[in-house]
Amino acid sequence: MSWRGDIAMGKYGKLPCALIDNNMFPGVEVDCGSFAVACPYCASQISCLDIRFIDARDRLSDEVRKRTGVHMPVYPEKCPVCGLDIVYDVCDEG
């Protein structure tokens, strides 16, 4: 299944599902990359998304920040192997 399908089915919670809704944000383009992190309990690789939101009006802007948009890392709610609840804490960023 695609990343949009995973988000629509709620695999990453309700917020990402609402953010990619074109009816709610019609002028925002959404793109996605992925990365993996290790589960702190079982060390299995957890697939995460890096969603990028770009205002369509800023696509040709001179400012790099506007052209690249806003990045939002999205983690699954549980580890798919051991079932550990995943809680993202901004303090964990290095």
PDB file of N, CA and C in Angstrom:
ATOM      1  N   MET A   1       0.848  -1.181   0.000  1.00  0.00           N
ATOM      2  CA  MET A   1       0.000   0.000   0.000  1.00  0.00           C
ATOM      3  C   MET A   1       0.893   1.244   0.000  1.00  0.00           C
ATOM      4  N   SER A   2       0.408   2.307  -0.570  1.00  0.00           N
ATOM      5  CA  SER A   2       1.181   3.546  -0.653  1.00  0.00           C
ATOM      6  C   SER A   2       1.166   4.289   0.679  1.00  0.00           C
ATOM      7  N   TRP A   3       2.038   5.281   0.808  1.00  0.00           N
ATOM      8  CA  TRP A   3       2.078   6.068   2.044  1.00  0.00           C
ATOM      9  C   TRP A   3       0.767   6.806   2.253  1.00  0.00           C
ATOM     10  N   ARG A   4       0.126   7.270   1.169  1.00  0.00           N
ATOM     11  CA  ARG A   4      -1.167   7.951   1.318  1.00  0.00           C
ATOM     12  C   ARG A   4      -2.222   6.991   1.865  1.00  0.00           C
ATOM     13  N   GLY A   5      -2.196   5.754   1.390  1.00  0.00           N
ATOM     14  CA  GLY A   5      -3.134   4.748   1.884  1.00  0.00           C
ATOM     15  C   GLY A   5      -2.903   4.433   3.349  1.00  0.00           C
ATOM     16  N   ASP A   6      -1.626   4.308   3.746  1.00  0.00           N
ATOM     17  CA  ASP A   6      -1.302   4.058   5.156  1.00  0.00           C
ATOM     18  C   ASP A   6      -1.810   5.188   6.040  1.00  0.00           C
ATOM     19  N   ILE A   7      -1.637   6.426   5.577  1.00  0.00           N
ATOM     20  CA  ILE A   7      -2.096   7.575   6.359  1.00  0.00           C
ATOM     21  C   ILE A   7      -3.617   7.599   6.411  1.00  0.00           C
ATOM     22  N   ALA A   8      -4.268   7.367   5.273  1.00  0.00           N
ATOM     23  CA  ALA A   8      -5.733   7.391   5.221  1.00  0.00           C
ATOM     24  C   ALA A   8      -6.348   6.323   6.119  1.00  0.00           C
ATOM     25  N   MET A   9      -5.666   5.193   6.282  1.00  0.00           N
ATOM     26  CA  MET A   9      -6.180   4.126   7.144  1.00  0.00           C
ATOM     27  C   MET A   9      -5.866   4.367   8.616  1.00  0.00           C
ATOM     28  N   GLY A  10      -5.163   5.448   8.924  1.00  0.00           N
ATOM     29  CA  GLY A  10      -4.898   5.793  10.316  1.00  0.00           C
ATOM     30  C   GLY A  10      -3.675   5.150  10.924  1.00  0.00           C
ATOM     31  N   LYS A  11      -2.798   4.576  10.111  1.00  0.00           N
ATOM     32  CA  LYS A  11      -1.603   3.910  10.642  1.00  0.00           C
ATOM     33  C   LYS A  11      -0.712   4.875  11.428  1.00  0.00           C
ATOM     34  N   TYR A  12      -0.740   6.162  11.050  1.00  0.00           N
ATOM     35  CA  TYR A  12       0.110   7.161  11.693  1.00  0.00           C
ATOM     36  C   TYR A  12      -0.683   8.142  12.555  1.00  0.00           C
ATOM     37  N   GLY A  13      -1.913   7.819  12.888  1.00  0.00           N
ATOM     38  CA  GLY A  13      -2.734   8.691  13.726  1.00  0.00           C
ATOM     39  C   GLY A  13      -3.644   9.594  12.899  1.00  0.00           C
ATOM     40  N   LYS A  14      -4.392  10.440  13.586  1.00  0.00           N
ATOM     41  CA  LYS A  14      -5.402  11.279  12.934  1.00  0.00           C
ATOM     42  C   LYS A  14      -4.842  12.562  12.329  1.00  0.00           C
ATOM     43  N   LEU A  15      -3.807  13.147  12.923  1.00  0.00           N
ATOM     44  CA  LEU A  15      -3.284  14.423  12.439  1.00  0.00           C
ATOM     45  C   LEU A  15      -2.770  14.342  11.001  1.00  0.00           C
ATOM     46  N   PRO A  16      -1.896  13.388  10.648  1.00  0.00           N
ATOM     47  CA  PRO A  16      -1.437  13.324   9.255  1.00  0.00           C
ATOM     48  C   PRO A  16      -2.590  13.105   8.274  1.00  0.00           C
ATOM     49  N   CYS A  17      -3.583  12.339   8.688  1.00  0.00           N
ATOM     50  CA  CYS A  17      -4.742  12.093   7.833  1.00  0.00           C
ATOM     51  C   CYS A  17      -5.457  13.405   7.521  1.00  0.00           C
ATOM     52  N   ALA A  18      -5.622  14.245   8.510  1.00  0.00           N
ATOM     53  CA  ALA A  18      -6.283  15.538   8.307  1.00  0.00           C
ATOM     54  C   ALA A  18      -5.419  16.473   7.466  1.00  0.00           C
ATOM     55  N   LEU A  19      -4.116  16.444   7.666  1.00  0.00           N
ATOM     56  CA  LEU A  19      -3.232  17.372   6.962  1.00  0.00           C
ATOM     57  C   LEU A  19      -3.125  17.110   5.464  1.00  0.00           C
ATOM     58  N   ILE A  20      -3.291  15.860   5.036  1.00  0.00           N
ATOM     59  CA  ILE A  20      -3.192  15.584   3.600  1.00  0.00           C
ATOM     60  C   ILE A  20      -4.545  15.689   2.902  1.00  0.00           C
ATOM     61  N   ASP A  21      -5.583  16.068   3.628  1.00  0.00           N
ATOM     62  CA  ASP A  21      -6.924  16.208   3.063  1.00  0.00           C
ATOM     63  C   ASP A  21      -6.965  17.416   2.127  1.00  0.00           C
ATOM     64  N   ASN A  22      -7.086  17.183   0.818  1.00  0.00           N
ATOM     65  CA  ASN A  22      -7.099  18.276  -0.158  1.00  0.00           C
ATOM     66  C   ASN A  22      -8.310  19.178  -0.019  1.00  0.00           C
ATOM     67  N   ASN A  23      -9.396  18.671   0.511  1.00  0.00           N
ATOM     68  CA  ASN A  23     -10.575  19.510   0.703  1.00  0.00           C
ATOM     69  C   ASN A  23     -10.344  20.528   1.813  1.00  0.00           C
ATOM     70  N   MET A  24      -9.568  20.155   2.803  1.00  0.00           N
ATOM     71  CA  MET A  24      -9.303  21.046   3.928  1.00  0.00           C
ATOM     72  C   MET A  24      -8.214  22.069   3.585  1.00  0.00           C
ATOM     73  N   PHE A  25      -7.190  21.643   2.851  1.00  0.00           N
ATOM     74  CA  PHE A  25      -6.069  22.507   2.476  1.00  0.00           C
ATOM     75  C   PHE A  25      -5.849  22.422   0.965  1.00  0.00           C
ATOM     76  N   PRO A  26      -6.699  23.077   0.150  1.00  0.00           N
ATOM     77  CA  PRO A  26      -6.617  22.907  -1.304  1.00  0.00           C
ATOM     78  C   PRO A  26      -5.362  23.485  -1.957  1.00  0.00           C
ATOM     79  N   GLY A  27      -4.711  24.479  -1.366  1.00  0.00           N
ATOM     80  CA  GLY A  27      -3.535  25.090  -1.979  1.00  0.00           C
ATOM     81  C   GLY A  27      -2.226  24.493  -1.531  1.00  0.00           C
ATOM     82  N   VAL A  28      -2.281  23.382  -0.800  1.00  0.00           N
ATOM     83  CA  VAL A  28      -1.065  22.779  -0.260  1.00  0.00           C
ATOM     84  C   VAL A  28      -0.756  21.484  -1.004  1.00  0.00           C
ATOM     85  N   GLU A  29       0.467  21.390  -1.512  1.00  0.00           N
ATOM     86  CA  GLU A  29       0.926  20.164  -2.160  1.00  0.00           C
ATOM     87  C   GLU A  29       1.641  19.316  -1.116  1.00  0.00           C
ATOM     88  N   VAL A  30       1.456  18.004  -1.190  1.00  0.00           N
ATOM     89  CA  VAL A  30       2.042  17.091  -0.213  1.00  0.00           C
ATOM     90  C   VAL A  30       2.962  16.118  -0.934  1.00  0.00           C
ATOM     91  N   ASP A  31       4.169  15.951  -0.385  1.00  0.00           N
ATOM     92  CA  ASP A  31       5.124  14.988  -0.911  1.00  0.00           C
ATOM     93  C   ASP A  31       5.638  14.186   0.280  1.00  0.00           C
ATOM     94  N   CYS A  32       6.233  13.051   0.012  1.00  0.00           N
ATOM     95  CA  CYS A  32       6.643  12.210   1.133  1.00  0.00           C
ATOM     96  C   CYS A  32       7.930  11.457   0.828  1.00  0.00           C
ATOM     97  N   GLY A  33       8.775  11.376   1.839  1.00  0.00           N
ATOM     98  CA  GLY A  33       9.962  10.540   1.817  1.00  0.00           C
ATOM     99  C   GLY A  33       9.841   9.570   2.988  1.00  0.00           C
ATOM    100  N   SER A  34      10.835   8.747   3.192  1.00  0.00           N
ATOM    101  CA  SER A  34      10.772   7.825   4.325  1.00  0.00           C
ATOM    102  C   SER A  34      12.146   7.654   4.954  1.00  0.00           C
ATOM    103  N   PHE A  35      12.139   7.213   6.184  1.00  0.00           N
ATOM    104  CA  PHE A  35      13.363   6.898   6.906  1.00  0.00           C
ATOM    105  C   PHE A  35      13.021   5.831   7.932  1.00  0.00           C
ATOM    106  N   ALA A  36      14.013   5.244   8.551  1.00  0.00           N
ATOM    107  CA  ALA A  36      13.775   4.191   9.537  1.00  0.00           C
ATOM    108  C   ALA A  36      14.479   4.538  10.840  1.00  0.00           C
ATOM    109  N   VAL A  37      13.851   4.160  11.934  1.00  0.00           N
ATOM    110  CA  VAL A  37      14.453   4.301  13.257  1.00  0.00           C
ATOM    111  C   VAL A  37      14.364   2.948  13.953  1.00  0.00           C
ATOM    112  N   ALA A  38      15.236   2.727  14.917  1.00  0.00           N
ATOM    113  CA  ALA A  38      15.230   1.467  15.659  1.00  0.00           C
ATOM    114  C   ALA A  38      14.291   1.561  16.852  1.00  0.00           C
ATOM    115  N   CYS A  39      13.511   0.523  17.066  1.00  0.00           N
ATOM    116  CA  CYS A  39      12.645   0.452  18.244  1.00  0.00           C
ATOM    117  C   CYS A  39      13.539   0.382  19.481  1.00  0.00           C
ATOM    118  N   PRO A  40      13.280   1.208  20.500  1.00  0.00           N
ATOM    119  CA  PRO A  40      14.130   1.179  21.693  1.00  0.00           C
ATOM    120  C   PRO A  40      13.981  -0.102  22.515  1.00  0.00           C
ATOM    121  N   TYR A  41      12.936  -0.883  22.266  1.00  0.00           N
ATOM    122  CA  TYR A  41      12.716  -2.102  23.043  1.00  0.00           C
ATOM    123  C   TYR A  41      13.271  -3.342  22.336  1.00  0.00           C
ATOM    124  N   CYS A  42      12.882  -3.536  21.047  1.00  0.00           N
ATOM    125  CA  CYS A  42      13.294  -4.765  20.354  1.00  0.00           C
ATOM    126  C   CYS A  42      14.322  -4.524  19.249  1.00  0.00           C
ATOM    127  N   ALA A  43      14.663  -3.270  18.982  1.00  0.00           N
ATOM    128  CA  ALA A  43      15.669  -2.864  17.992  1.00  0.00           C
ATOM    129  C   ALA A  43      15.280  -3.158  16.543  1.00  0.00           C
ATOM    130  N   SER A  44      14.025  -3.516  16.293  1.00  0.00           N
ATOM    131  CA  SER A  44      13.605  -3.710  14.901  1.00  0.00           C
ATOM    132  C   SER A  44      13.487  -2.355  14.216  1.00  0.00           C
ATOM    133  N   GLN A  45      13.616  -2.346  12.902  1.00  0.00           N
ATOM    134  CA  GLN A  45      13.529  -1.110  12.135  1.00  0.00           C
ATOM    135  C   GLN A  45      12.066  -0.708  11.945  1.00  0.00           C
ATOM    136  N   ILE A  46      11.748   0.518  12.332  1.00  0.00           N
ATOM    137  CA  ILE A  46      10.395   1.043  12.206  1.00  0.00           C
ATOM    138  C   ILE A  46      10.396   2.051  11.064  1.00  0.00           C
ATOM    139  N   SER A  47       9.558   1.807  10.081  1.00  0.00           N
ATOM    140  CA  SER A  47       9.459   2.702   8.931  1.00  0.00           C
ATOM    141  C   SER A  47       8.671   3.951   9.313  1.00  0.00           C
ATOM    142  N   CYS A  48       9.254   5.111   9.046  1.00  0.00           N
ATOM    143  CA  CYS A  48       8.630   6.394   9.365  1.00  0.00           C
ATOM    144  C   CYS A  48       8.548   7.230   8.092  1.00  0.00           C
ATOM    145  N   LEU A  49       7.674   8.207   8.106  1.00  0.00           N
ATOM    146  CA  LEU A  49       7.496   9.074   6.945  1.00  0.00           C
ATOM    147  C   LEU A  49       8.032  10.465   7.221  1.00  0.00           C
ATOM    148  N   ASP A  50       8.502  11.110   6.168  1.00  0.00           N
ATOM    149  CA  ASP A  50       8.891  12.517   6.236  1.00  0.00           C
ATOM    150  C   ASP A  50       7.986  13.243   5.244  1.00  0.00           C
ATOM    151  N   ILE A  51       6.882  13.778   5.750  1.00  0.00           N
ATOM    152  CA  ILE A  51       5.909  14.444   4.890  1.00  0.00           C
ATOM    153  C   ILE A  51       6.328  15.896   4.716  1.00  0.00           C
ATOM    154  N   ARG A  52       6.251  16.365   3.478  1.00  0.00           N
ATOM    155  CA  ARG A  52       6.617  17.750   3.172  1.00  0.00           C
ATOM    156  C   ARG A  52       5.389  18.462   2.609  1.00  0.00           C
ATOM    157  N   PHE A  53       5.054  19.594   3.215  1.00  0.00           N
ATOM    158  CA  PHE A  53       3.921  20.407   2.785  1.00  0.00           C
ATOM    159  C   PHE A  53       4.454  21.668   2.121  1.00  0.00           C
ATOM    160  N   ILE A  54       4.000  21.937   0.888  1.00  0.00           N
ATOM    161  CA  ILE A  54       4.457  23.110   0.148  1.00  0.00           C
ATOM    162  C   ILE A  54       3.236  23.898  -0.315  1.00  0.00           C
ATOM    163  N   ASP A  55       3.212  25.167   0.010  1.00  0.00           N
ATOM    164  CA  ASP A  55       2.157  26.042  -0.497  1.00  0.00           C
ATOM    165  C   ASP A  55       2.393  26.199  -1.996  1.00  0.00           C
ATOM    166  N   ALA A  56       1.400  25.878  -2.807  1.00  0.00           N
ATOM    167  CA  ALA A  56       1.553  25.914  -4.267  1.00  0.00           C
ATOM    168  C   ALA A  56       1.984  27.292  -4.762  1.00  0.00           C
ATOM    169  N   ARG A  57       1.612  28.339  -4.053  1.00  0.00           N
ATOM    170  CA  ARG A  57       1.990  29.694  -4.467  1.00  0.00           C
ATOM    171  C   ARG A  57       3.474  29.959  -4.254  1.00  0.00           C
ATOM    172  N   ASP A  58       4.126  29.185  -3.368  1.00  0.00           N
ATOM    173  CA  ASP A  58       5.542  29.401  -3.048  1.00  0.00           C
ATOM    174  C   ASP A  58       6.492  28.528  -3.861  1.00  0.00           C
ATOM    175  N   ARG A  59       5.977  27.687  -4.726  1.00  0.00           N
ATOM    176  CA  ARG A  59       6.824  26.744  -5.459  1.00  0.00           C
ATOM    177  C   ARG A  59       7.931  27.448  -6.245  1.00  0.00           C
ATOM    178  N   LEU A  60       7.683  28.629  -6.775  1.00  0.00           N
ATOM    179  CA  LEU A  60       8.685  29.352  -7.571  1.00  0.00           C
ATOM    180  C   LEU A  60       9.324  30.509  -6.805  1.00  0.00           C
ATOM    181  N   SER A  61       9.227  30.493  -5.505  1.00  0.00           N
ATOM    182  CA  SER A  61       9.766  31.567  -4.670  1.00  0.00           C
ATOM    183  C   SER A  61      11.294  31.618  -4.733  1.00  0.00           C
ATOM    184  N   ASP A  62      11.846  32.794  -4.458  1.00  0.00           N
ATOM    185  CA  ASP A  62      13.299  32.953  -4.377  1.00  0.00           C
ATOM    186  C   ASP A  62      13.847  32.412  -3.059  1.00  0.00           C
ATOM    187  N   GLU A  63      13.003  32.290  -2.046  1.00  0.00           N
ATOM    188  CA  GLU A  63      13.440  31.815  -0.731  1.00  0.00           C
ATOM    189  C   GLU A  63      13.423  30.288  -0.689  1.00  0.00           C
ATOM    190  N   VAL A  64      14.555  29.707  -0.305  1.00  0.00           N
ATOM    191  CA  VAL A  64      14.677  28.248  -0.248  1.00  0.00           C
ATOM    192  C   VAL A  64      13.662  27.653   0.720  1.00  0.00           C
ATOM    193  N   ARG A  65      13.481  28.286   1.864  1.00  0.00           N
ATOM    194  CA  ARG A  65      12.546  27.766   2.861  1.00  0.00           C
ATOM    195  C   ARG A  65      11.138  27.618   2.286  1.00  0.00           C
ATOM    196  N   LYS A  66      10.715  28.591   1.515  1.00  0.00           N
ATOM    197  CA  LYS A  66       9.379  28.529   0.924  1.00  0.00           C
ATOM    198  C   LYS A  66       9.292  27.456  -0.158  1.00  0.00           C
ATOM    199  N   ARG A  67      10.359  27.301  -0.958  1.00  0.00           N
ATOM    200  CA  ARG A  67      10.348  26.294  -2.032  1.00  0.00           C
ATOM    201  C   ARG A  67      10.351  24.872  -1.490  1.00  0.00           C
ATOM    202  N   THR A  68      11.036  24.646  -0.378  1.00  0.00           N
ATOM    203  CA  THR A  68      11.140  23.286   0.155  1.00  0.00           C
ATOM    204  C   THR A  68       9.992  22.928   1.081  1.00  0.00           C
ATOM    205  N   GLY A  69       9.286  23.908   1.602  1.00  0.00           N
ATOM    206  CA  GLY A  69       8.117  23.634   2.426  1.00  0.00           C
ATOM    207  C   GLY A  69       8.450  23.291   3.865  1.00  0.00           C
ATOM    208  N   VAL A  70       7.456  22.758   4.526  1.00  0.00           N
ATOM    209  CA  VAL A  70       7.561  22.397   5.939  1.00  0.00           C
ATOM    210  C   VAL A  70       7.637  20.878   6.032  1.00  0.00           C
ATOM    211  N   HIS A  71       8.609  20.375   6.790  1.00  0.00           N
ATOM    212  CA  HIS A  71       8.765  18.929   6.973  1.00  0.00           C
ATOM    213  C   HIS A  71       8.117  18.495   8.277  1.00  0.00           C
ATOM    214  N   MET A  72       7.445  17.344   8.223  1.00  0.00           N
ATOM    215  CA  MET A  72       6.815  16.788   9.415  1.00  0.00           C
ATOM    216  C   MET A  72       7.165  15.304   9.492  1.00  0.00           C
ATOM    217  N   PRO A  73       8.002  14.909  10.460  1.00  0.00           N
ATOM    218  CA  PRO A  73       8.267  13.479  10.613  1.00  0.00           C
ATOM    219  C   PRO A  73       7.041  12.804  11.224  1.00  0.00           C
ATOM    220  N   VAL A  74       6.675  11.643  10.696  1.00  0.00           N
ATOM    221  CA  VAL A  74       5.490  10.933  11.161  1.00  0.00           C
ATOM    222  C   VAL A  74       5.889   9.513  11.530  1.00  0.00           C
ATOM    223  N   TYR A  75       5.584   9.141  12.758  1.00  0.00           N
ATOM    224  CA  TYR A  75       5.926   7.826  13.283  1.00  0.00           C
ATOM    225  C   TYR A  75       4.658   6.997  13.454  1.00  0.00           C
ATOM    226  N   PRO A  76       4.739   5.655  13.289  1.00  0.00           N
ATOM    227  CA  PRO A  76       3.577   4.827  13.592  1.00  0.00           C
ATOM    228  C   PRO A  76       3.268   4.909  15.087  1.00  0.00           C
ATOM    229  N   GLU A  77       2.046   4.561  15.465  1.00  0.00           N
ATOM    230  CA  GLU A  77       1.664   4.647  16.873  1.00  0.00           C
ATOM    231  C   GLU A  77       2.245   3.508  17.706  1.00  0.00           C
ATOM    232  N   LYS A  78       2.559   2.368  17.056  1.00  0.00           N
ATOM    233  CA  LYS A  78       3.119   1.213  17.762  1.00  0.00           C
ATOM    234  C   LYS A  78       4.200   0.557  16.907  1.00  0.00           C
ATOM    235  N   CYS A  79       5.139  -0.096  17.573  1.00  0.00           N
ATOM    236  CA  CYS A  79       6.139  -0.888  16.861  1.00  0.00           C
ATOM    237  C   CYS A  79       5.417  -2.079  16.229  1.00  0.00           C
ATOM    238  N   PRO A  80       5.627  -2.335  14.927  1.00  0.00           N
ATOM    239  CA  PRO A  80       4.930  -3.446  14.279  1.00  0.00           C
ATOM    240  C   PRO A  80       5.396  -4.824  14.752  1.00  0.00           C
ATOM    241  N   VAL A  81       6.554  -4.907  15.405  1.00  0.00           N
ATOM    242  CA  VAL A  81       7.085  -6.198  15.848  1.00  0.00           C
ATOM    243  C   VAL A  81       6.686  -6.508  17.290  1.00  0.00           C
ATOM    244  N   CYS A  82       6.995  -5.603  18.224  1.00  0.00           N
ATOM    245  CA  CYS A  82       6.753  -5.893  19.643  1.00  0.00           C
ATOM    246  C   CYS A  82       5.521  -5.190  20.211  1.00  0.00           C
ATOM    247  N   GLY A  83       4.948  -4.227  19.469  1.00  0.00           N
ATOM    248  CA  GLY A  83       3.744  -3.544  19.935  1.00  0.00           C
ATOM    249  C   GLY A  83       3.985  -2.403  20.904  1.00  0.00           C
ATOM    250  N   LEU A  84       5.245  -2.004  21.096  1.00  0.00           N
ATOM    251  CA  LEU A  84       5.564  -0.902  21.999  1.00  0.00           C
ATOM    252  C   LEU A  84       4.910   0.385  21.506  1.00  0.00           C
ATOM    253  N   ASP A  85       4.238   1.119  22.405  1.00  0.00           N
ATOM    254  CA  ASP A  85       3.681   2.422  22.049  1.00  0.00           C
ATOM    255  C   ASP A  85       4.823   3.380  21.763  1.00  0.00           C
ATOM    256  N   ILE A  86       4.740   4.094  20.646  1.00  0.00           N
ATOM    257  CA  ILE A  86       5.792   5.029  20.267  1.00  0.00           C
ATOM    258  C   ILE A  86       5.349   6.432  20.629  1.00  0.00           C
ATOM    259  N   VAL A  87       6.152   7.088  21.435  1.00  0.00           N
ATOM    260  CA  VAL A  87       5.870   8.458  21.852  1.00  0.00           C
ATOM    261  C   VAL A  87       7.022   9.314  21.368  1.00  0.00           C
ATOM    262  N   TYR A  88       6.710  10.301  20.528  1.00  0.00           N
ATOM    263  CA  TYR A  88       7.739  11.194  20.002  1.00  0.00           C
ATOM    264  C   TYR A  88       7.929  12.341  20.972  1.00  0.00           C
ATOM    265  N   ASP A  89       9.170  12.600  21.346  1.00  0.00           N
ATOM    266  CA  ASP A  89       9.493  13.682  22.267  1.00  0.00           C
ATOM    267  C   ASP A  89      10.504  14.595  21.584  1.00  0.00           C
ATOM    268  N   VAL A  90      10.174  15.870  21.472  1.00  0.00           N
ATOM    269  CA  VAL A  90      11.064  16.834  20.824  1.00  0.00           C
ATOM    270  C   VAL A  90      12.414  16.871  21.530  1.00  0.00           C
ATOM    271  N   CYS A  91      12.454  16.582  22.810  1.00  0.00           N
ATOM    272  CA  CYS A  91      13.715  16.596  23.566  1.00  0.00           C
ATOM    273  C   CYS A  91      14.664  15.494  23.096  1.00  0.00           C
ATOM    274  N   ASP A  92      14.142  14.482  22.394  1.00  0.00           N
ATOM    275  CA  ASP A  92      14.987  13.392  21.915  1.00  0.00           C
ATOM    276  C   ASP A  92      15.802  13.767  20.691  1.00  0.00           C
ATOM    277  N   GLU A  93      15.465  14.889  20.039  1.00  0.00           N
ATOM    278  CA  GLU A  93      16.202  15.284  18.844  1.00  0.00           C
ATOM    279  C   GLU A  93      17.629  15.661  19.215  1.00  0.00           C
ATOM    280  N   GLY A  94      18.573  15.267  18.361  1.00  0.00           N
ATOM    281  CA  GLY A  94      19.964  15.522  18.678  1.00  0.00           C
ATOM    282  C   GLY A  94      20.600  16.596  17.930  1.00  0.00           C
TER     283      GLY A  94
END
